[in-house]
């Protein structure tokens, strides 16, 4: 597990009684708990990890790892974003501002990033953008093998790339890029981020 876990784990976590619900305060409380080796408190400020609390406690039992993560969290606090399917807020200095973008812009950017990662053959990056059921079925290596073996893979990627320019249907928790007929590229919202669930 990487030591630089996504900051979204912090933003969506349940704050302890001493931290306010403002994202920057949650991030600071998390960094402080790590520095003070209060790992159970730090873990409660996350949404959890796939490996569970035991793995988290293991990973941050090392003081250097705790300091590195706390510093990374504080660095990211100045450019925090808070996201929902219909709105994104970004921090500018001490203030929060609404990012004026259409609801479809966020899933469209997520799909474009996935396609770019696949086309540049960054299989680990592409795997990280898959929805959790697909990440559970695949490894980056298996994803690479399947794309290289599948004769229609390039055509599917081409159609998905064209779908970026179509109307995106954004509903609660998912975004659909129609491909014609019953087919669509489908992204789902997980931990505040859109991830690829199907490309046909």
N, C-alpha and C. Protein backbone atom coordinates (compact mmCIF):
# COMPACT_ATOMS: atom_id res chain seq x y z
N UNK A 1 0.84 -1.19 0.00
CA UNK A 1 0.00 0.00 0.00
C UNK A 1 0.87 1.24 0.00
N UNK A 2 0.53 2.18 -0.85
CA UNK A 2 1.35 3.39 -0.94
C UNK A 2 1.21 4.25 0.29
N UNK A 3 2.29 4.93 0.64
CA UNK A 3 2.23 5.80 1.80
C UNK A 3 1.50 7.09 1.48
N UNK A 4 1.39 7.42 0.21
CA UNK A 4 0.71 8.65 -0.16
C UNK A 4 -0.71 8.32 -0.59
N UNK A 5 -1.51 7.84 0.35
CA UNK A 5 -2.89 7.48 0.06
C UNK A 5 -3.66 8.71 -0.37
N UNK A 6 -4.71 8.54 -1.21
CA UNK A 6 -5.44 9.70 -1.71
C UNK A 6 -5.98 10.56 -0.58
N UNK A 7 -5.90 11.87 -0.76
CA UNK A 7 -6.40 12.79 0.25
C UNK A 7 -7.91 12.67 0.39
N UNK A 8 -8.56 12.08 -0.64
CA UNK A 8 -10.01 11.91 -0.53
C UNK A 8 -10.37 11.01 0.65
N UNK A 9 -9.45 10.12 1.06
CA UNK A 9 -9.71 9.31 2.25
C UNK A 9 -9.94 10.19 3.47
N UNK A 10 -9.25 11.33 3.49
CA UNK A 10 -9.38 12.23 4.62
C UNK A 10 -10.66 13.04 4.54
N UNK A 11 -10.96 13.51 3.33
CA UNK A 11 -12.08 14.42 3.16
C UNK A 11 -13.41 13.75 3.49
N UNK A 12 -13.47 12.44 3.25
CA UNK A 12 -14.73 11.75 3.44
C UNK A 12 -14.82 11.05 4.78
N UNK A 13 -13.75 11.11 5.57
CA UNK A 13 -13.72 10.42 6.85
C UNK A 13 -14.59 11.09 7.88
N UNK A 14 -14.89 10.36 8.93
CA UNK A 14 -15.65 10.91 10.05
C UNK A 14 -14.68 11.57 10.99
N UNK A 15 -14.86 12.84 11.26
CA UNK A 15 -13.93 13.57 12.13
C UNK A 15 -14.17 13.18 13.57
N UNK A 16 -13.09 13.17 14.35
CA UNK A 16 -13.25 12.91 15.78
C UNK A 16 -13.80 14.17 16.44
N UNK A 17 -14.14 14.06 17.69
CA UNK A 17 -14.82 15.16 18.38
C UNK A 17 -14.02 16.44 18.41
N UNK A 18 -12.69 16.35 18.32
CA UNK A 18 -11.88 17.56 18.42
C UNK A 18 -11.68 18.25 17.07
N UNK A 19 -12.06 17.61 15.97
CA UNK A 19 -11.84 18.22 14.65
C UNK A 19 -13.16 18.72 14.10
N UNK A 20 -13.13 19.91 13.47
CA UNK A 20 -14.35 20.42 12.85
C UNK A 20 -14.58 19.65 11.57
N UNK A 21 -15.73 19.89 10.93
CA UNK A 21 -16.03 19.17 9.70
C UNK A 21 -15.43 19.86 8.48
N UNK A 22 -14.78 20.99 8.65
CA UNK A 22 -14.13 21.62 7.49
C UNK A 22 -12.98 20.74 7.03
N UNK A 23 -12.87 20.49 5.70
CA UNK A 23 -11.84 19.56 5.21
C UNK A 23 -10.43 19.88 5.68
N UNK A 24 -10.05 21.16 5.69
CA UNK A 24 -8.69 21.51 6.10
C UNK A 24 -8.44 21.12 7.56
N UNK A 25 -9.45 21.25 8.40
CA UNK A 25 -9.30 20.88 9.81
C UNK A 25 -9.17 19.38 9.98
N UNK A 26 -9.92 18.62 9.18
CA UNK A 26 -9.82 17.16 9.23
C UNK A 26 -8.42 16.73 8.79
N UNK A 27 -7.93 17.34 7.71
CA UNK A 27 -6.59 17.00 7.21
C UNK A 27 -5.53 17.32 8.26
N UNK A 28 -5.65 18.47 8.91
CA UNK A 28 -4.67 18.85 9.94
C UNK A 28 -4.75 17.91 11.14
N UNK A 29 -5.97 17.55 11.55
CA UNK A 29 -6.13 16.62 12.67
C UNK A 29 -5.50 15.27 12.34
N UNK A 30 -5.64 14.83 11.10
CA UNK A 30 -5.05 13.57 10.65
C UNK A 30 -3.52 13.63 10.70
N UNK A 31 -2.96 14.72 10.14
CA UNK A 31 -1.50 14.88 10.14
C UNK A 31 -0.96 14.91 11.57
N UNK A 32 -1.66 15.63 12.44
CA UNK A 32 -1.22 15.74 13.84
C UNK A 32 -1.29 14.39 14.55
N UNK A 33 -2.36 13.64 14.31
CA UNK A 33 -2.49 12.32 14.93
C UNK A 33 -1.37 11.39 14.47
N UNK A 34 -0.99 11.47 13.20
CA UNK A 34 0.14 10.67 12.71
C UNK A 34 1.42 11.07 13.42
N UNK A 35 1.69 12.38 13.48
CA UNK A 35 2.92 12.86 14.11
C UNK A 35 3.01 12.43 15.57
N UNK A 36 1.88 12.41 16.24
CA UNK A 36 1.86 12.08 17.67
C UNK A 36 1.70 10.57 17.91
N UNK A 37 1.76 9.80 16.83
CA UNK A 37 1.66 8.34 16.90
C UNK A 37 0.34 7.88 17.52
N UNK A 38 -0.72 8.65 17.28
CA UNK A 38 -2.07 8.26 17.71
C UNK A 38 -2.76 7.63 16.49
N UNK A 39 -2.32 6.43 16.14
CA UNK A 39 -2.71 5.83 14.87
C UNK A 39 -4.18 5.44 14.82
N UNK A 40 -4.75 5.02 15.94
CA UNK A 40 -6.18 4.69 15.93
C UNK A 40 -7.01 5.94 15.67
N UNK A 41 -6.60 7.08 16.25
CA UNK A 41 -7.29 8.35 15.99
C UNK A 41 -7.15 8.73 14.52
N UNK A 42 -5.94 8.56 13.99
CA UNK A 42 -5.71 8.89 12.57
C UNK A 42 -6.58 8.02 11.68
N UNK A 43 -6.64 6.74 11.98
CA UNK A 43 -7.43 5.82 11.14
C UNK A 43 -8.91 6.19 11.16
N UNK A 44 -9.42 6.62 12.32
CA UNK A 44 -10.83 7.01 12.41
C UNK A 44 -11.13 8.24 11.55
N UNK A 45 -10.12 8.99 11.17
CA UNK A 45 -10.31 10.16 10.31
C UNK A 45 -10.25 9.80 8.82
N UNK A 46 -10.13 8.50 8.51
CA UNK A 46 -10.15 8.05 7.12
C UNK A 46 -11.47 7.33 6.86
N UNK A 47 -11.71 7.00 5.61
CA UNK A 47 -12.87 6.17 5.27
C UNK A 47 -12.51 4.70 5.39
N UNK A 48 -11.32 4.42 5.90
CA UNK A 48 -10.85 3.05 5.99
C UNK A 48 -9.99 2.72 4.78
N UNK A 49 -9.39 1.56 4.81
CA UNK A 49 -8.56 1.10 3.68
C UNK A 49 -8.99 -0.31 3.34
N UNK A 50 -8.74 -0.76 2.10
CA UNK A 50 -9.14 -2.13 1.74
C UNK A 50 -8.50 -3.17 2.64
N UNK A 51 -7.27 -2.89 3.10
CA UNK A 51 -6.55 -3.87 3.93
C UNK A 51 -6.97 -3.82 5.40
N UNK A 52 -7.69 -2.79 5.81
CA UNK A 52 -8.17 -2.69 7.18
C UNK A 52 -7.22 -1.94 8.11
N UNK A 53 -7.68 -1.77 9.35
CA UNK A 53 -6.93 -0.97 10.31
C UNK A 53 -5.58 -1.59 10.66
N UNK A 54 -5.52 -2.91 10.72
CA UNK A 54 -4.25 -3.57 11.06
C UNK A 54 -3.13 -3.19 10.10
N UNK A 55 -3.43 -3.19 8.81
CA UNK A 55 -2.42 -2.83 7.81
C UNK A 55 -2.02 -1.37 7.94
N UNK A 56 -3.00 -0.52 8.25
CA UNK A 56 -2.74 0.91 8.44
C UNK A 56 -1.79 1.10 9.63
N UNK A 57 -2.08 0.43 10.74
CA UNK A 57 -1.23 0.54 11.92
C UNK A 57 0.18 0.02 11.63
N UNK A 58 0.25 -1.04 10.86
CA UNK A 58 1.55 -1.59 10.46
C UNK A 58 2.35 -0.60 9.64
N UNK A 59 1.68 -0.05 8.62
CA UNK A 59 2.36 0.86 7.70
C UNK A 59 2.93 2.08 8.42
N UNK A 60 2.16 2.62 9.36
CA UNK A 60 2.59 3.85 10.03
C UNK A 60 3.22 3.60 11.40
N UNK A 61 3.62 2.37 11.64
CA UNK A 61 4.37 2.09 12.88
C UNK A 61 5.77 2.71 12.78
N UNK A 62 6.21 3.00 11.56
CA UNK A 62 7.52 3.60 11.31
C UNK A 62 7.41 5.13 11.41
N UNK A 63 8.23 5.73 12.25
CA UNK A 63 8.17 7.18 12.47
C UNK A 63 8.42 7.97 11.18
N UNK A 64 9.38 7.52 10.38
CA UNK A 64 9.69 8.22 9.13
C UNK A 64 8.48 8.22 8.18
N UNK A 65 7.78 7.09 8.14
CA UNK A 65 6.59 7.00 7.28
C UNK A 65 5.51 7.95 7.77
N UNK A 66 5.34 8.05 9.10
CA UNK A 66 4.34 8.96 9.65
C UNK A 66 4.68 10.41 9.32
N UNK A 67 5.94 10.78 9.49
CA UNK A 67 6.36 12.16 9.21
C UNK A 67 6.19 12.51 7.74
N UNK A 68 6.56 11.56 6.88
CA UNK A 68 6.45 11.79 5.43
C UNK A 68 4.99 12.00 5.03
N UNK A 69 4.10 11.15 5.57
CA UNK A 69 2.68 11.27 5.23
C UNK A 69 2.09 12.56 5.78
N UNK A 70 2.43 12.92 7.02
CA UNK A 70 1.92 14.15 7.62
C UNK A 70 2.34 15.36 6.80
N UNK A 71 3.60 15.38 6.36
CA UNK A 71 4.09 16.50 5.54
C UNK A 71 3.35 16.56 4.21
N UNK A 72 3.10 15.39 3.59
CA UNK A 72 2.38 15.37 2.31
C UNK A 72 0.96 15.87 2.47
N UNK A 73 0.30 15.50 3.58
CA UNK A 73 -1.07 15.96 3.84
C UNK A 73 -1.09 17.47 3.98
N UNK A 74 -0.15 18.00 4.75
CA UNK A 74 -0.13 19.46 4.95
C UNK A 74 0.17 20.20 3.65
N UNK A 75 1.02 19.65 2.82
CA UNK A 75 1.30 20.27 1.52
C UNK A 75 0.03 20.33 0.68
N UNK A 76 -0.76 19.25 0.70
CA UNK A 76 -1.98 19.19 -0.10
C UNK A 76 -3.11 20.05 0.43
N UNK A 77 -3.05 20.41 1.71
CA UNK A 77 -4.16 21.16 2.31
C UNK A 77 -4.38 22.51 1.63
N UNK A 78 -3.32 23.13 1.13
CA UNK A 78 -3.45 24.44 0.49
C UNK A 78 -4.21 24.41 -0.83
N UNK A 79 -4.33 23.22 -1.42
CA UNK A 79 -5.02 23.12 -2.71
C UNK A 79 -6.14 22.07 -2.65
N UNK A 80 -6.75 21.96 -1.48
CA UNK A 80 -7.83 20.99 -1.31
C UNK A 80 -8.98 21.25 -2.27
N UNK A 81 -9.65 20.17 -2.64
CA UNK A 81 -10.91 20.26 -3.36
C UNK A 81 -11.92 19.40 -2.63
N UNK A 82 -13.17 19.84 -2.62
CA UNK A 82 -14.27 19.04 -2.10
C UNK A 82 -15.22 18.82 -3.27
N UNK A 83 -15.56 17.54 -3.51
CA UNK A 83 -16.33 17.23 -4.71
C UNK A 83 -17.60 16.46 -4.43
N UNK A 84 -18.58 16.71 -5.27
CA UNK A 84 -19.81 15.92 -5.33
C UNK A 84 -20.16 15.81 -6.81
N UNK A 85 -21.11 14.95 -7.18
CA UNK A 85 -21.42 14.82 -8.60
C UNK A 85 -21.78 16.13 -9.29
N UNK A 86 -22.39 17.08 -8.55
CA UNK A 86 -22.87 18.29 -9.21
C UNK A 86 -22.07 19.55 -8.87
N UNK A 87 -21.09 19.46 -7.98
CA UNK A 87 -20.34 20.67 -7.62
C UNK A 87 -18.95 20.30 -7.11
N UNK A 88 -17.99 21.16 -7.41
CA UNK A 88 -16.64 21.04 -6.86
C UNK A 88 -16.29 22.37 -6.22
N UNK A 89 -15.73 22.33 -5.01
CA UNK A 89 -15.22 23.52 -4.37
C UNK A 89 -13.70 23.39 -4.26
N UNK A 90 -13.00 24.47 -4.51
CA UNK A 90 -11.55 24.46 -4.42
C UNK A 90 -11.11 25.52 -3.43
N UNK A 91 -10.03 25.25 -2.73
CA UNK A 91 -9.52 26.21 -1.76
C UNK A 91 -8.59 27.19 -2.44
N UNK A 92 -8.81 28.47 -2.18
CA UNK A 92 -7.92 29.53 -2.65
C UNK A 92 -7.54 30.36 -1.45
N UNK A 93 -6.29 30.19 -1.00
CA UNK A 93 -5.87 30.86 0.22
C UNK A 93 -6.68 30.33 1.38
N UNK A 94 -7.36 31.22 2.10
CA UNK A 94 -8.19 30.81 3.23
C UNK A 94 -9.65 30.60 2.85
N UNK A 95 -9.99 30.86 1.59
CA UNK A 95 -11.38 30.82 1.16
C UNK A 95 -11.67 29.60 0.31
N UNK A 96 -12.95 29.22 0.28
CA UNK A 96 -13.43 28.16 -0.61
C UNK A 96 -14.21 28.81 -1.75
N UNK A 97 -14.01 28.33 -2.97
CA UNK A 97 -14.68 28.87 -4.14
C UNK A 97 -15.30 27.72 -4.95
N UNK A 98 -16.46 27.99 -5.53
CA UNK A 98 -17.11 27.01 -6.40
C UNK A 98 -16.37 26.98 -7.73
N UNK A 99 -16.02 25.78 -8.17
CA UNK A 99 -15.41 25.61 -9.50
C UNK A 99 -16.57 25.55 -10.48
N UNK A 100 -16.64 26.53 -11.36
CA UNK A 100 -17.77 26.61 -12.28
C UNK A 100 -17.53 25.68 -13.45
N UNK A 101 -17.99 24.47 -13.30
CA UNK A 101 -17.89 23.49 -14.38
C UNK A 101 -19.20 22.75 -14.46
N UNK A 102 -19.48 22.18 -15.60
CA UNK A 102 -20.71 21.42 -15.77
C UNK A 102 -20.55 20.07 -15.06
N UNK A 103 -21.65 19.48 -14.58
CA UNK A 103 -21.56 18.19 -13.89
C UNK A 103 -20.86 17.12 -14.72
N UNK A 104 -20.98 17.20 -16.04
CA UNK A 104 -20.37 16.19 -16.91
C UNK A 104 -18.85 16.34 -17.02
N UNK A 105 -18.31 17.49 -16.65
CA UNK A 105 -16.87 17.71 -16.82
C UNK A 105 -16.03 16.77 -15.98
N UNK A 106 -16.47 16.44 -14.77
CA UNK A 106 -15.67 15.62 -13.87
C UNK A 106 -15.57 14.18 -14.39
N UNK A 107 -16.71 13.49 -14.72
CA UNK A 107 -16.55 12.14 -15.28
C UNK A 107 -15.85 12.14 -16.63
N UNK A 108 -16.06 13.19 -17.43
CA UNK A 108 -15.38 13.26 -18.72
C UNK A 108 -13.86 13.31 -18.53
N UNK A 109 -13.41 14.10 -17.56
CA UNK A 109 -11.97 14.18 -17.27
C UNK A 109 -11.45 12.83 -16.76
N UNK A 110 -12.25 12.13 -15.96
CA UNK A 110 -11.83 10.82 -15.43
C UNK A 110 -11.69 9.80 -16.56
N UNK A 111 -12.65 9.79 -17.49
CA UNK A 111 -12.57 8.87 -18.62
C UNK A 111 -11.38 9.20 -19.49
N UNK A 112 -11.17 10.48 -19.77
CA UNK A 112 -10.02 10.88 -20.60
C UNK A 112 -8.71 10.43 -19.96
N UNK A 113 -8.61 10.59 -18.65
CA UNK A 113 -7.38 10.19 -17.96
C UNK A 113 -7.16 8.68 -18.11
N UNK A 114 -8.24 7.89 -17.95
CA UNK A 114 -8.12 6.44 -18.10
C UNK A 114 -7.64 6.09 -19.51
N UNK A 115 -8.27 6.68 -20.51
CA UNK A 115 -7.88 6.38 -21.90
C UNK A 115 -6.43 6.79 -22.18
N UNK A 116 -6.03 7.93 -21.65
CA UNK A 116 -4.64 8.38 -21.81
C UNK A 116 -3.66 7.41 -21.17
N UNK A 117 -4.02 6.90 -19.98
CA UNK A 117 -3.14 5.95 -19.29
C UNK A 117 -3.00 4.66 -20.09
N UNK A 118 -4.12 4.15 -20.62
CA UNK A 118 -4.07 2.92 -21.41
C UNK A 118 -3.24 3.14 -22.67
N UNK A 119 -3.48 4.26 -23.36
CA UNK A 119 -2.77 4.50 -24.61
C UNK A 119 -1.28 4.75 -24.40
N UNK A 120 -0.91 5.25 -23.22
CA UNK A 120 0.51 5.43 -22.93
C UNK A 120 1.10 4.17 -22.28
N UNK A 121 0.26 3.14 -22.14
CA UNK A 121 0.67 1.85 -21.59
C UNK A 121 1.11 1.94 -20.13
N UNK A 122 0.49 2.86 -19.41
CA UNK A 122 0.71 2.96 -17.97
C UNK A 122 -0.37 2.10 -17.30
N UNK A 123 -0.11 0.81 -17.22
CA UNK A 123 -1.13 -0.13 -16.78
C UNK A 123 -1.45 0.02 -15.30
N UNK A 124 -0.47 0.39 -14.51
CA UNK A 124 -0.74 0.60 -13.08
C UNK A 124 -1.65 1.81 -12.90
N UNK A 125 -1.37 2.89 -13.65
CA UNK A 125 -2.21 4.08 -13.58
C UNK A 125 -3.62 3.79 -14.04
N UNK A 126 -3.76 3.04 -15.15
CA UNK A 126 -5.09 2.70 -15.68
C UNK A 126 -5.85 1.82 -14.69
N UNK A 127 -5.15 0.82 -14.12
CA UNK A 127 -5.79 -0.06 -13.14
C UNK A 127 -6.34 0.74 -11.96
N UNK A 128 -5.59 1.75 -11.51
CA UNK A 128 -6.02 2.57 -10.39
C UNK A 128 -7.26 3.39 -10.67
N UNK A 129 -7.63 3.53 -11.95
CA UNK A 129 -8.82 4.31 -12.33
C UNK A 129 -10.04 3.42 -12.57
N UNK A 130 -9.88 2.12 -12.37
CA UNK A 130 -11.00 1.20 -12.52
C UNK A 130 -11.87 1.20 -11.27
N UNK A 131 -13.14 0.88 -11.46
CA UNK A 131 -14.05 0.71 -10.32
C UNK A 131 -13.60 -0.49 -9.49
N UNK A 132 -13.95 -0.48 -8.22
CA UNK A 132 -13.42 -1.50 -7.30
C UNK A 132 -13.71 -2.95 -7.72
N UNK A 133 -14.89 -3.29 -8.29
CA UNK A 133 -15.07 -4.69 -8.71
C UNK A 133 -14.06 -5.11 -9.79
N UNK A 134 -13.72 -4.18 -10.69
CA UNK A 134 -12.73 -4.51 -11.72
C UNK A 134 -11.31 -4.57 -11.14
N UNK A 135 -11.01 -3.67 -10.19
CA UNK A 135 -9.68 -3.73 -9.56
C UNK A 135 -9.51 -5.04 -8.80
N UNK A 136 -10.60 -5.57 -8.24
CA UNK A 136 -10.53 -6.84 -7.52
C UNK A 136 -10.28 -8.01 -8.48
N UNK A 137 -10.80 -7.91 -9.71
CA UNK A 137 -10.64 -8.99 -10.69
C UNK A 137 -9.31 -8.94 -11.43
N UNK A 138 -8.77 -7.73 -11.56
CA UNK A 138 -7.56 -7.54 -12.36
C UNK A 138 -6.37 -7.17 -11.49
N UNK A 139 -5.20 -7.33 -12.09
CA UNK A 139 -3.97 -6.70 -11.61
C UNK A 139 -3.51 -5.83 -12.77
N UNK A 140 -2.59 -4.90 -12.57
CA UNK A 140 -2.08 -4.13 -13.72
C UNK A 140 -1.52 -5.05 -14.82
N UNK A 141 -0.87 -6.13 -14.42
CA UNK A 141 -0.29 -7.06 -15.40
C UNK A 141 -1.37 -7.77 -16.20
N UNK A 142 -2.44 -8.19 -15.51
CA UNK A 142 -3.52 -8.88 -16.22
C UNK A 142 -4.27 -7.92 -17.13
N UNK A 143 -4.42 -6.68 -16.70
CA UNK A 143 -5.07 -5.67 -17.54
C UNK A 143 -4.27 -5.50 -18.83
N UNK A 144 -2.97 -5.42 -18.71
CA UNK A 144 -2.08 -5.31 -19.87
C UNK A 144 -2.26 -6.51 -20.80
N UNK A 145 -2.23 -7.71 -20.23
CA UNK A 145 -2.37 -8.93 -21.04
C UNK A 145 -3.70 -8.95 -21.77
N UNK A 146 -4.78 -8.61 -21.07
CA UNK A 146 -6.10 -8.64 -21.70
C UNK A 146 -6.20 -7.63 -22.84
N UNK A 147 -5.67 -6.43 -22.64
CA UNK A 147 -5.72 -5.43 -23.71
C UNK A 147 -4.86 -5.86 -24.90
N UNK A 148 -3.72 -6.48 -24.63
CA UNK A 148 -2.85 -6.88 -25.73
C UNK A 148 -3.39 -8.10 -26.47
N UNK A 149 -4.10 -8.98 -25.77
CA UNK A 149 -4.64 -10.20 -26.38
C UNK A 149 -5.95 -9.96 -27.10
N UNK A 150 -6.76 -9.04 -26.60
CA UNK A 150 -8.12 -8.82 -27.11
C UNK A 150 -8.07 -8.10 -28.45
N UNK A 151 -8.52 -8.74 -29.54
CA UNK A 151 -8.45 -8.11 -30.87
C UNK A 151 -9.28 -6.83 -30.99
N UNK A 152 -10.36 -6.72 -30.21
CA UNK A 152 -11.23 -5.55 -30.33
C UNK A 152 -10.88 -4.43 -29.35
N UNK A 153 -9.81 -4.60 -28.59
CA UNK A 153 -9.47 -3.61 -27.57
C UNK A 153 -9.24 -2.22 -28.16
N UNK A 154 -8.48 -2.15 -29.26
CA UNK A 154 -8.20 -0.84 -29.86
C UNK A 154 -9.48 -0.18 -30.35
N UNK A 155 -10.39 -0.98 -30.90
CA UNK A 155 -11.65 -0.43 -31.40
C UNK A 155 -12.51 0.08 -30.23
N UNK A 156 -12.52 -0.65 -29.13
CA UNK A 156 -13.28 -0.21 -27.95
C UNK A 156 -12.72 1.10 -27.41
N UNK A 157 -11.40 1.18 -27.36
CA UNK A 157 -10.77 2.43 -26.89
C UNK A 157 -11.09 3.59 -27.82
N UNK A 158 -11.09 3.32 -29.14
CA UNK A 158 -11.41 4.37 -30.12
C UNK A 158 -12.84 4.87 -29.91
N UNK A 159 -13.79 3.93 -29.71
CA UNK A 159 -15.19 4.33 -29.49
C UNK A 159 -15.34 5.10 -28.18
N UNK A 160 -14.62 4.64 -27.15
CA UNK A 160 -14.69 5.34 -25.86
C UNK A 160 -14.14 6.75 -25.99
N UNK A 161 -13.07 6.91 -26.78
CA UNK A 161 -12.48 8.24 -27.00
C UNK A 161 -13.50 9.14 -27.72
N UNK A 162 -14.20 8.60 -28.72
CA UNK A 162 -15.23 9.37 -29.43
C UNK A 162 -16.37 9.75 -28.49
N UNK A 163 -16.67 8.87 -27.54
CA UNK A 163 -17.77 9.13 -26.60
C UNK A 163 -17.49 10.33 -25.70
N UNK A 164 -16.21 10.71 -25.58
CA UNK A 164 -15.89 11.89 -24.78
C UNK A 164 -16.60 13.14 -25.30
N UNK A 165 -16.90 13.15 -26.61
CA UNK A 165 -17.53 14.32 -27.23
C UNK A 165 -19.05 14.23 -27.28
N UNK A 166 -19.61 13.18 -26.67
CA UNK A 166 -21.06 13.03 -26.69
C UNK A 166 -21.67 13.59 -25.41
N UNK A 167 -22.99 13.63 -25.38
CA UNK A 167 -23.71 14.07 -24.18
C UNK A 167 -23.54 13.02 -23.08
N UNK A 168 -23.15 13.43 -21.90
CA UNK A 168 -22.95 12.52 -20.78
C UNK A 168 -24.19 12.57 -19.90
N UNK A 169 -24.72 11.39 -19.57
CA UNK A 169 -25.86 11.33 -18.66
C UNK A 169 -25.32 11.10 -17.25
N UNK A 170 -25.45 12.13 -16.41
CA UNK A 170 -24.97 12.04 -15.03
C UNK A 170 -26.17 11.82 -14.13
N UNK A 171 -26.14 10.71 -13.39
CA UNK A 171 -27.21 10.40 -12.43
C UNK A 171 -26.55 10.18 -11.09
N UNK A 172 -27.35 9.85 -10.09
CA UNK A 172 -26.80 9.63 -8.75
C UNK A 172 -25.80 8.49 -8.78
N UNK A 173 -24.54 8.82 -8.59
CA UNK A 173 -23.52 7.79 -8.45
C UNK A 173 -22.96 7.21 -9.72
N UNK A 174 -23.41 7.67 -10.90
CA UNK A 174 -22.83 7.14 -12.13
C UNK A 174 -22.93 8.14 -13.27
N UNK A 175 -22.10 7.90 -14.29
CA UNK A 175 -22.12 8.72 -15.51
C UNK A 175 -22.04 7.77 -16.70
N UNK A 176 -22.92 8.00 -17.69
CA UNK A 176 -22.97 7.15 -18.87
C UNK A 176 -22.62 7.95 -20.12
N UNK A 177 -21.72 7.40 -20.92
CA UNK A 177 -21.34 7.98 -22.21
C UNK A 177 -21.91 7.04 -23.27
N UNK A 178 -23.05 7.39 -23.90
CA UNK A 178 -23.69 6.48 -24.85
C UNK A 178 -22.79 6.18 -26.05
N UNK A 179 -22.83 4.89 -26.48
CA UNK A 179 -22.07 4.45 -27.65
C UNK A 179 -22.99 4.03 -28.78
N UNK A 180 -24.29 4.14 -28.57
CA UNK A 180 -25.25 3.68 -29.57
C UNK A 180 -25.84 2.35 -29.15
N UNK A 181 -27.10 2.16 -29.47
CA UNK A 181 -27.79 0.94 -29.06
C UNK A 181 -27.88 0.89 -27.54
N UNK A 182 -27.61 -0.26 -27.00
CA UNK A 182 -27.66 -0.43 -25.55
C UNK A 182 -26.29 -0.23 -24.90
N UNK A 183 -25.28 0.04 -25.71
CA UNK A 183 -23.92 0.11 -25.19
C UNK A 183 -23.57 1.50 -24.69
N UNK A 184 -22.72 1.54 -23.66
CA UNK A 184 -22.27 2.82 -23.10
C UNK A 184 -20.99 2.60 -22.31
N UNK A 185 -20.19 3.65 -22.24
CA UNK A 185 -19.09 3.66 -21.28
C UNK A 185 -19.69 4.10 -19.96
N UNK A 186 -19.43 3.35 -18.92
CA UNK A 186 -20.05 3.64 -17.63
C UNK A 186 -18.99 3.90 -16.57
N UNK A 187 -19.14 5.03 -15.88
CA UNK A 187 -18.28 5.36 -14.75
C UNK A 187 -19.14 5.42 -13.50
N UNK A 188 -18.59 4.99 -12.38
CA UNK A 188 -19.32 5.03 -11.11
C UNK A 188 -18.54 5.89 -10.12
N UNK A 189 -19.27 6.47 -9.20
CA UNK A 189 -18.67 7.34 -8.19
C UNK A 189 -18.27 6.49 -6.99
N UNK A 190 -16.98 6.49 -6.69
CA UNK A 190 -16.46 5.76 -5.53
C UNK A 190 -15.54 6.68 -4.75
N UNK A 191 -15.77 6.82 -3.46
CA UNK A 191 -14.93 7.67 -2.61
C UNK A 191 -14.76 9.08 -3.19
N UNK A 192 -15.84 9.60 -3.78
CA UNK A 192 -15.81 10.97 -4.29
C UNK A 192 -15.16 11.12 -5.66
N UNK A 193 -14.75 10.00 -6.30
CA UNK A 193 -14.11 10.08 -7.61
C UNK A 193 -14.80 9.14 -8.59
N UNK A 194 -14.87 9.56 -9.85
CA UNK A 194 -15.43 8.70 -10.88
C UNK A 194 -14.39 7.69 -11.31
N UNK A 195 -14.84 6.42 -11.42
CA UNK A 195 -13.96 5.34 -11.86
C UNK A 195 -14.66 4.54 -12.96
N UNK A 196 -13.86 3.97 -13.85
CA UNK A 196 -14.38 3.25 -15.01
C UNK A 196 -14.93 1.90 -14.60
N UNK A 197 -16.23 1.68 -14.90
CA UNK A 197 -16.88 0.40 -14.58
C UNK A 197 -17.06 -0.45 -15.82
N UNK A 198 -17.19 0.17 -17.00
CA UNK A 198 -17.34 -0.57 -18.26
C UNK A 198 -17.03 0.36 -19.41
N UNK A 199 -16.37 -0.20 -20.45
CA UNK A 199 -16.12 0.65 -21.62
C UNK A 199 -17.00 0.24 -22.80
N UNK A 200 -17.95 -0.70 -22.57
CA UNK A 200 -18.95 -1.00 -23.58
C UNK A 200 -20.23 -1.47 -22.91
